[in-house]
Amino acid sequence: MTWHEWAEREAANIRSAGRWRAPRDRDAAGVEGKLSPDGRPVVSFASNDYLGLTQHPAVVAAAGAALARWGAGSGSARLIVGSRPVHSNLERALADWKGAERSVLFPTGFAANLGVLSTFGGPDALIVSDELNHASIIDGCRLARAETAVARHVDPEHVDELLAGAGSRRGIVVTDTVFSMDGDLAPVDDLVSVCQQRGALLVLDEAHAVLGPEPDLPTHGAGALDVIRVGTLSKTLGSLGGFAAGPEVFTDLLVNYARPYIFTTASTPADAAAALAALAVVRSAEGDALRARLRSHVERLRPGHPSPIVPVVFGDEQATLDASAALLEQGMLVPAIRPPTVPDGTSRLRIALSAAHTEDQVDALARAIATLIR
């Protein structure tokens, strides 16, 4: 079999399973835009730009100023000649935001998880990972060369049982704080207690935690917790990149051990500057107002739901595709999420709300969804 024959066979298998995917261009700045191939106007309910900061004037201006000062790219890895003052300024601001001694930038949130888990994992470690963790965590566990035990979803007692079998190995517990496909929350407080009792390192991926949780992390004094907080710049902060925040001794190791940091060109100065400006908005009264507006949108669509990720599970793949198509006919872009992104039998619409949506847009979506699930 030639490589072309192999590739054609694999593509045919995907198509026959009804799981073929291809990107569609959306000509847009914000939630409203035109979708290829026919240029139809749509309102997107699929973006992770939760606070609408990709379009904030201060964020756009900061990116433009950085572009004019430093150019389009960094030209090298941070440890060679790719580091600019804006990278260091952003790292200090992120550490202050997360109450950590230091933070380290990565080119993406995916790379941050790869870097953290491959640095702290190893043959002498046991990683306990929630069964619904993000793909970046799963791949980070694979790269870590450590045994990985998969814990039942949001089950701290099972996490404790698995850590009890670590023996002399170092324990690591890793979890999303907000799960990307269901929008539910990890039991962070309970995991903190388990890690304190077991002496385990807690790695929290807070990529989607725009509305919380805001965990109380006892990092000093008696019963101090070893914790690394992983985040992304591409969702709440509306830019591109990732970071890990924690004790300086941990972040120093990342700088010296993490291959996704050492061997990758530094993020563009424009991306870093945009994130720094967005962080200033997030930590201001305006940021409070944007989160309140987002929280109100969630309440309009699904009262009491803890995050702006709202799943509508159909189970059947074709039924989910049909529902997505029906919404698109009404000018609402809500992609169908199917295996392997989610487990078999749990295909769904994944609605992502933003503070940039209007109340009328959210209400129209709510009415349309109600019709689909009758």
Protein backbone atom coordinates (compact mmCIF):
# COMPACT_ATOMS: atom_id res chain seq x y z
CA MET A 1 0.00 0.00 0.00
CA THR A 2 1.41 3.39 -0.97
CA TRP A 3 1.17 6.44 1.29
CA HIS A 4 -1.44 7.98 -1.01
CA GLU A 5 -3.52 4.79 -0.83
CA TRP A 6 -3.20 4.75 2.95
CA ALA A 7 -4.27 8.40 3.22
CA GLU A 8 -7.24 7.84 0.89
CA ARG A 9 -8.34 4.81 2.91
CA GLU A 10 -8.13 6.73 6.20
CA ALA A 11 -10.07 9.66 4.76
CA ALA A 12 -12.72 7.31 3.43
CA ASN A 13 -13.07 5.72 6.86
CA ILE A 14 -13.67 9.12 8.44
CA ARG A 15 -16.20 10.08 5.79
CA SER A 16 -18.08 6.78 6.05
CA ALA A 17 -18.37 7.27 9.80
CA GLY A 18 -19.96 10.68 9.17
CA ARG A 19 -17.14 12.46 11.02
CA TRP A 20 -15.42 14.36 8.24
CA ARG A 21 -14.53 17.93 9.20
CA ALA A 22 -13.26 20.97 7.35
CA PRO A 23 -12.83 24.59 8.44
CA ARG A 24 -15.24 27.29 7.27
CA ASP A 25 -14.01 30.85 6.95
CA ARG A 26 -15.97 33.42 8.94
CA ASP A 27 -15.37 37.01 7.89
CA ALA A 28 -16.03 38.66 11.22
CA ALA A 29 -14.77 40.93 13.95
CA GLY A 30 -16.89 39.93 16.92
CA VAL A 31 -19.95 37.72 17.17
CA GLU A 32 -21.55 38.86 13.89
CA GLY A 33 -20.05 38.05 10.51
CA LYS A 34 -20.38 36.26 7.20
CA LEU A 35 -19.81 32.53 6.78
CA SER A 36 -18.27 30.85 3.75
CA PRO A 37 -18.92 29.53 1.20
CA ASP A 38 -22.03 31.64 0.51
CA GLY A 39 -21.32 34.64 2.75
CA ARG A 40 -24.52 34.23 4.76
CA PRO A 41 -24.76 36.50 7.84
CA VAL A 42 -24.50 34.61 11.13
CA VAL A 43 -24.25 35.23 14.84
CA SER A 44 -21.60 32.96 16.30
CA PHE A 45 -22.29 31.08 19.52
CA ALA A 46 -19.10 29.08 19.22
CA SER A 47 -16.23 31.41 20.13
CA ASN A 48 -14.30 31.27 23.42
CA ASP A 49 -13.92 35.06 23.36
CA TYR A 50 -15.99 35.14 26.54
CA LEU A 51 -15.67 38.83 27.36
CA GLY A 52 -15.43 40.11 23.80
CA LEU A 53 -11.92 41.44 24.40
CA THR A 54 -10.62 40.51 20.95
CA GLN A 55 -12.42 43.66 19.79
CA HIS A 56 -11.76 45.94 22.78
CA PRO A 57 -10.23 49.24 21.61
CA ALA A 58 -7.50 49.23 24.26
CA VAL A 59 -6.53 45.66 23.41
CA VAL A 60 -6.41 46.31 19.68
CA ALA A 61 -4.45 49.53 20.22
CA ALA A 62 -1.90 47.75 22.44
CA ALA A 63 -1.35 45.11 19.78
CA GLY A 64 -0.91 47.79 17.12
CA ALA A 65 1.62 49.70 19.20
CA ALA A 66 3.62 46.54 19.83
CA LEU A 67 3.56 45.71 16.14
CA ALA A 68 4.92 49.14 15.30
CA ARG A 69 7.65 48.96 17.98
CA TRP A 70 8.86 45.36 17.68
CA GLY A 71 7.53 44.05 14.38
CA ALA A 72 5.41 41.07 13.43
CA GLY A 73 7.35 38.30 15.16
CA SER A 74 9.83 37.63 17.94
CA GLY A 75 12.29 35.88 15.69
CA SER A 76 13.56 33.32 18.18
CA ALA A 77 12.89 31.37 21.33
CA ARG A 78 12.80 33.29 24.60
CA LEU A 79 16.13 31.86 25.78
CA ILE A 80 17.92 32.94 22.59
CA VAL A 81 16.94 36.46 21.46
CA GLY A 82 13.13 36.22 21.32
CA SER A 83 12.29 37.79 24.68
CA ARG A 84 10.95 41.36 24.63
CA PRO A 85 10.09 43.59 27.59
CA VAL A 86 6.39 43.00 26.96
CA HIS A 87 6.82 39.26 27.57
CA SER A 88 8.39 39.85 30.99
CA ASN A 89 5.82 42.52 31.87
CA LEU A 90 3.00 40.13 30.99
CA GLU A 91 4.53 37.33 33.06
CA ARG A 92 4.70 39.61 36.12
CA ALA A 93 1.10 40.73 35.63
CA LEU A 94 -0.17 37.16 35.21
CA ALA A 95 1.66 36.04 38.36
CA ASP A 96 0.10 38.89 40.33
CA TRP A 97 -3.35 38.02 38.94
CA LYS A 98 -2.99 34.41 40.02
CA GLY A 99 -1.36 35.18 43.38
CA ALA A 100 1.79 33.32 42.37
CA GLU A 101 5.48 34.08 42.70
CA ARG A 102 6.08 33.88 38.99
CA SER A 103 4.55 32.85 35.67
CA VAL A 104 5.98 31.50 32.44
CA LEU A 105 4.59 32.20 28.97
CA PHE A 106 4.04 29.49 26.37
CA PRO A 107 2.99 29.90 22.72
CA THR A 108 -0.43 28.31 23.42
CA GLY A 109 -2.40 26.90 26.33
CA PHE A 110 -1.96 23.46 24.75
CA ALA A 111 1.82 23.90 24.88
CA ALA A 112 1.59 25.04 28.51
CA ASN A 113 0.00 21.76 29.57
CA LEU A 114 2.52 19.77 27.56
CA GLY A 115 5.35 21.69 29.19
CA VAL A 116 4.08 21.43 32.76
CA LEU A 117 3.22 17.74 32.70
CA SER A 118 6.33 16.64 30.82
CA THR A 119 8.49 18.64 33.25
CA PHE A 120 6.98 17.44 36.51
CA GLY A 121 5.95 13.96 35.43
CA GLY A 122 8.41 11.15 34.95
CA PRO A 123 9.00 7.47 35.77
CA ASP A 124 9.02 8.33 39.48
CA ALA A 125 5.62 10.06 39.37
CA LEU A 126 1.96 9.05 39.22
CA ILE A 127 -0.39 11.42 37.43
CA VAL A 128 -4.09 11.28 38.31
CA SER A 129 -6.16 12.88 35.57
CA ASP A 130 -9.93 13.46 35.37
CA GLU A 131 -11.50 11.35 32.62
CA LEU A 132 -12.94 14.43 30.87
CA ASN A 133 -9.79 16.54 30.90
CA HIS A 134 -8.84 18.48 27.78
CA ALA A 135 -6.82 16.85 25.00
CA SER A 136 -3.79 18.98 25.93
CA ILE A 137 -3.76 17.39 29.39
CA ILE A 138 -4.15 13.91 27.92
CA ASP A 139 -1.26 14.50 25.53
CA GLY A 140 0.81 16.04 28.34
CA CYS A 141 0.32 12.90 30.40
CA ARG A 142 1.47 10.78 27.46
CA LEU A 143 4.62 12.86 27.07
CA ALA A 144 5.40 12.82 30.78
CA ARG A 145 6.65 9.21 30.83
CA ALA A 146 4.76 8.78 34.10
CA GLU A 147 2.08 6.25 34.85
CA THR A 148 -1.29 7.93 34.42
CA ALA A 149 -4.36 6.88 36.37
CA VAL A 150 -7.68 8.14 35.04
CA ALA A 151 -10.08 9.28 37.75
CA ARG A 152 -13.84 9.18 37.43
CA HIS A 153 -15.24 12.56 36.48
CA VAL A 154 -15.32 15.08 39.35
CA ASP A 155 -14.81 12.32 41.91
CA PRO A 156 -12.30 13.43 44.58
CA GLU A 157 -12.72 10.19 46.55
CA HIS A 158 -11.56 8.23 43.52
CA VAL A 159 -8.62 10.62 43.13
CA ASP A 160 -7.68 9.89 46.74
CA GLU A 161 -7.91 6.14 46.16
CA LEU A 162 -5.66 6.38 43.13
CA LEU A 163 -3.09 8.51 44.96
CA ALA A 164 -3.05 5.97 47.77
CA GLY A 165 -1.54 3.53 45.29
CA ALA A 166 1.32 5.85 44.36
CA GLY A 167 3.67 4.28 46.89
CA SER A 168 6.98 6.14 46.88
CA ARG A 169 6.17 7.93 43.63
CA ARG A 170 5.46 11.65 43.53
CA GLY A 171 1.75 12.30 43.06
CA ILE A 172 0.33 14.79 40.59
CA VAL A 173 -3.38 15.60 40.29
CA VAL A 174 -4.37 17.46 37.12
CA THR A 175 -7.81 18.77 36.22
CA ASP A 176 -9.64 21.36 34.22
CA THR A 177 -11.44 23.71 36.59
CA VAL A 178 -14.19 24.26 33.99
CA PHE A 179 -14.62 21.35 31.60
CA SER A 180 -14.60 22.44 27.98
CA MET A 181 -17.44 20.32 26.60
CA ASP A 182 -19.91 20.22 29.52
CA GLY A 183 -19.17 23.53 31.21
CA ASP A 184 -19.31 21.92 34.65
CA LEU A 185 -16.84 22.58 37.46
CA ALA A 186 -14.15 20.50 39.12
CA PRO A 187 -14.47 20.02 42.91
CA VAL A 188 -11.36 22.14 43.45
CA ASP A 189 -11.73 22.60 47.21
CA ASP A 190 -12.01 18.84 47.71
CA LEU A 191 -9.02 18.22 45.45
CA VAL A 192 -7.01 20.74 47.47
CA SER A 193 -7.76 18.74 50.62
CA VAL A 194 -6.80 15.46 48.95
CA CYS A 195 -3.52 16.89 47.64
CA GLN A 196 -2.67 18.37 51.03
CA GLN A 197 -3.21 15.04 52.76
CA ARG A 198 -1.26 13.08 50.11
CA GLY A 199 1.50 15.61 49.48
CA ALA A 200 0.56 15.72 45.80
CA LEU A 201 1.15 18.50 43.31
CA LEU A 202 -2.12 20.02 42.04
CA VAL A 203 -2.19 21.26 38.45
CA LEU A 204 -5.25 23.37 37.63
CA ASP A 205 -6.08 24.23 34.02
CA GLU A 206 -8.18 27.39 34.31
CA ALA A 207 -8.58 28.02 30.58
CA HIS A 208 -12.37 28.41 30.73
CA ALA A 209 -12.73 29.84 34.25
CA VAL A 210 -13.94 33.29 33.21
CA LEU A 211 -16.80 33.11 35.75
CA GLY A 212 -14.82 31.10 38.31
CA PRO A 213 -14.26 29.09 40.32
CA GLU A 214 -11.84 31.26 42.29
CA PRO A 215 -10.23 28.63 44.51
CA ASP A 216 -8.80 29.33 47.94
CA LEU A 217 -5.30 27.89 47.57
CA PRO A 218 -3.30 27.62 50.81
CA THR A 219 0.19 28.09 49.35
CA HIS A 220 1.91 29.28 52.54
CA GLY A 221 2.23 28.15 56.14
CA ALA A 222 1.13 24.88 57.69
CA GLY A 223 -0.46 22.51 55.20
CA ALA A 224 0.83 24.55 52.26
CA LEU A 225 -0.28 23.24 48.88
CA ASP A 226 2.03 22.73 45.91
CA VAL A 227 0.04 24.05 42.95
CA ILE A 228 0.59 25.18 39.36
CA ARG A 229 -2.14 27.21 37.68
CA VAL A 230 -2.25 26.84 33.90
CA GLY A 231 -4.12 29.33 31.78
CA THR A 232 -4.61 30.57 28.26
CA LEU A 233 -4.48 34.04 26.78
CA SER A 234 -6.86 33.11 23.96
CA LYS A 235 -10.18 32.95 25.80
CA THR A 236 -10.85 35.36 28.66
CA LEU A 237 -8.00 37.60 27.47
CA GLY A 238 -8.86 37.52 23.78
CA SER A 239 -5.30 37.07 22.49
CA LEU A 240 -3.09 34.02 21.88
CA GLY A 241 -0.75 32.08 24.16
CA GLY A 242 -0.65 30.18 27.43
CA PHE A 243 1.02 30.39 30.81
CA ALA A 244 1.83 28.49 33.96
CA ALA A 245 1.92 30.28 37.32
CA GLY A 246 3.34 28.94 40.59
CA PRO A 247 6.31 29.02 42.96
CA GLU A 248 9.49 30.42 41.47
CA VAL A 249 11.33 27.14 41.97
CA PHE A 250 8.68 25.46 39.78
CA THR A 251 8.66 28.12 37.06
CA ASP A 252 12.46 28.13 36.93
CA LEU A 253 12.31 24.41 36.18
CA LEU A 254 9.83 25.04 33.38
CA VAL A 255 12.17 27.57 31.80
CA ASN A 256 15.01 25.04 31.92
CA TYR A 257 13.16 21.75 31.27
CA ALA A 258 9.96 22.39 29.31
CA ARG A 259 10.63 21.62 25.65
CA PRO A 260 7.55 23.56 24.40
CA TYR A 261 9.12 26.63 26.04
CA ILE A 262 12.78 26.07 25.16
CA PHE A 263 12.39 25.03 21.52
CA THR A 264 9.54 27.30 20.38
CA THR A 265 9.70 30.83 19.00
CA ALA A 266 8.38 33.30 21.54
CA SER A 267 4.83 34.54 21.11
CA THR A 268 4.52 37.66 19.01
CA PRO A 269 4.94 40.99 20.83
CA ALA A 270 1.50 42.00 19.55
CA ASP A 271 -0.13 38.94 21.16
CA ALA A 272 1.65 39.59 24.46
CA ALA A 273 0.75 43.27 24.44
CA ALA A 274 -2.89 42.50 23.63
CA ALA A 275 -3.06 40.05 26.54
CA LEU A 276 -1.46 42.56 28.91
CA ALA A 277 -4.00 45.22 27.96
CA ALA A 278 -6.85 42.70 28.22
CA LEU A 279 -5.71 41.66 31.69
CA ALA A 280 -5.93 45.30 32.80
CA VAL A 281 -9.54 45.37 31.57
CA VAL A 282 -10.37 42.07 33.30
CA ARG A 283 -9.07 43.39 36.64
CA SER A 284 -10.98 46.68 36.39
CA ALA A 285 -14.56 47.76 37.08
CA GLU A 286 -15.22 47.33 33.37
CA GLY A 287 -14.15 43.71 33.68
CA ASP A 288 -16.58 43.23 36.56
CA ALA A 289 -19.36 44.63 34.38
CA LEU A 290 -18.46 42.36 31.46
CA ARG A 291 -18.53 39.28 33.70
CA ALA A 292 -21.88 40.37 35.14
CA ARG A 293 -23.24 40.74 31.61
CA LEU A 294 -21.93 37.29 30.68
CA ARG A 295 -23.42 35.80 33.84
CA SER A 296 -26.78 37.37 32.90
CA HIS A 297 -26.62 35.76 29.45
CA VAL A 298 -26.00 32.35 31.02
CA GLU A 299 -29.03 32.84 33.27
CA ARG A 300 -31.20 33.72 30.26
CA LEU A 301 -30.25 30.51 28.51
CA ARG A 302 -29.77 28.03 31.36
CA PRO A 303 -30.44 29.38 34.87
CA GLY A 304 -27.93 28.25 37.47
CA HIS A 305 -25.39 26.85 35.00
CA PRO A 306 -21.88 27.67 36.28
CA SER A 307 -20.12 28.68 33.07
CA PRO A 308 -20.68 30.20 29.61
CA ILE A 309 -20.22 26.75 28.02
CA VAL A 310 -23.75 25.37 27.67
CA PRO A 311 -24.10 21.89 26.13
CA VAL A 312 -27.28 20.63 24.47
CA VAL A 313 -26.77 16.88 24.23
CA PHE A 314 -28.62 14.97 21.51
CA GLY A 315 -26.54 11.79 21.67
CA ASP A 316 -27.05 10.78 18.07
CA GLU A 317 -24.54 12.31 15.66
CA GLN A 318 -26.95 12.91 12.79
CA ALA A 319 -29.56 14.45 15.07
CA THR A 320 -26.89 16.84 16.33
CA LEU A 321 -25.81 17.75 12.80
CA ASP A 322 -29.46 18.35 11.87
CA ALA A 323 -29.94 20.61 14.90
CA SER A 324 -26.84 22.61 14.00
CA ALA A 325 -28.06 22.98 10.43
CA ALA A 326 -31.48 24.13 11.62
CA LEU A 327 -29.90 26.85 13.74
CA LEU A 328 -27.68 27.93 10.87
CA GLU A 329 -30.77 28.40 8.70
CA GLN A 330 -31.88 30.91 11.34
CA GLY A 331 -28.54 32.71 11.25
CA MET A 332 -27.07 31.12 14.38
CA LEU A 333 -23.73 29.35 14.21
CA VAL A 334 -23.55 26.54 16.79
CA PRO A 335 -21.32 23.72 15.52
CA ALA A 336 -22.09 20.07 16.22
CA ILE A 337 -19.52 18.46 18.51
CA ARG A 338 -19.09 14.75 17.80
CA PRO A 339 -16.71 11.91 18.61
CA PRO A 340 -13.80 11.74 19.03
CA THR A 341 -14.04 15.18 20.68
CA VAL A 342 -16.72 13.78 23.00
CA PRO A 343 -17.49 10.15 23.91
CA ASP A 344 -19.66 8.03 21.63
CA GLY A 345 -23.34 8.61 22.19
CA THR A 346 -22.87 12.14 23.61
CA SER A 347 -22.85 14.28 20.46
CA ARG A 348 -24.00 17.78 21.28
CA LEU A 349 -24.32 21.39 20.43
CA ARG A 350 -21.71 23.31 22.40
CA ILE A 351 -22.98 26.83 22.97
CA ALA A 352 -20.36 29.37 24.02
CA LEU A 353 -21.78 32.64 25.27
CA SER A 354 -19.98 35.98 25.24
CA ALA A 355 -20.48 39.34 26.87
CA ALA A 356 -20.41 40.64 23.28
CA HIS A 357 -23.79 39.01 22.59
CA THR A 358 -26.90 41.13 22.96
CA GLU A 359 -29.84 40.09 25.10
CA ASP A 360 -31.97 39.79 21.96
CA GLN A 361 -29.44 37.41 20.38
CA VAL A 362 -29.37 35.18 23.46
CA ASP A 363 -33.16 35.19 23.74
CA ALA A 364 -33.50 34.23 20.07
CA LEU A 365 -31.10 31.34 20.59
CA ALA A 366 -33.03 30.19 23.66
CA ARG A 367 -36.28 30.13 21.70
CA ALA A 368 -34.66 28.21 18.84
CA ILE A 369 -33.11 25.64 21.17
CA ALA A 370 -36.44 25.12 22.94
CA THR A 371 -38.02 24.28 19.58
CA LEU A 372 -35.29 21.77 18.75
CA ILE A 373 -35.54 19.79 21.98
CA ARG A 374 -39.32 19.50 22.22
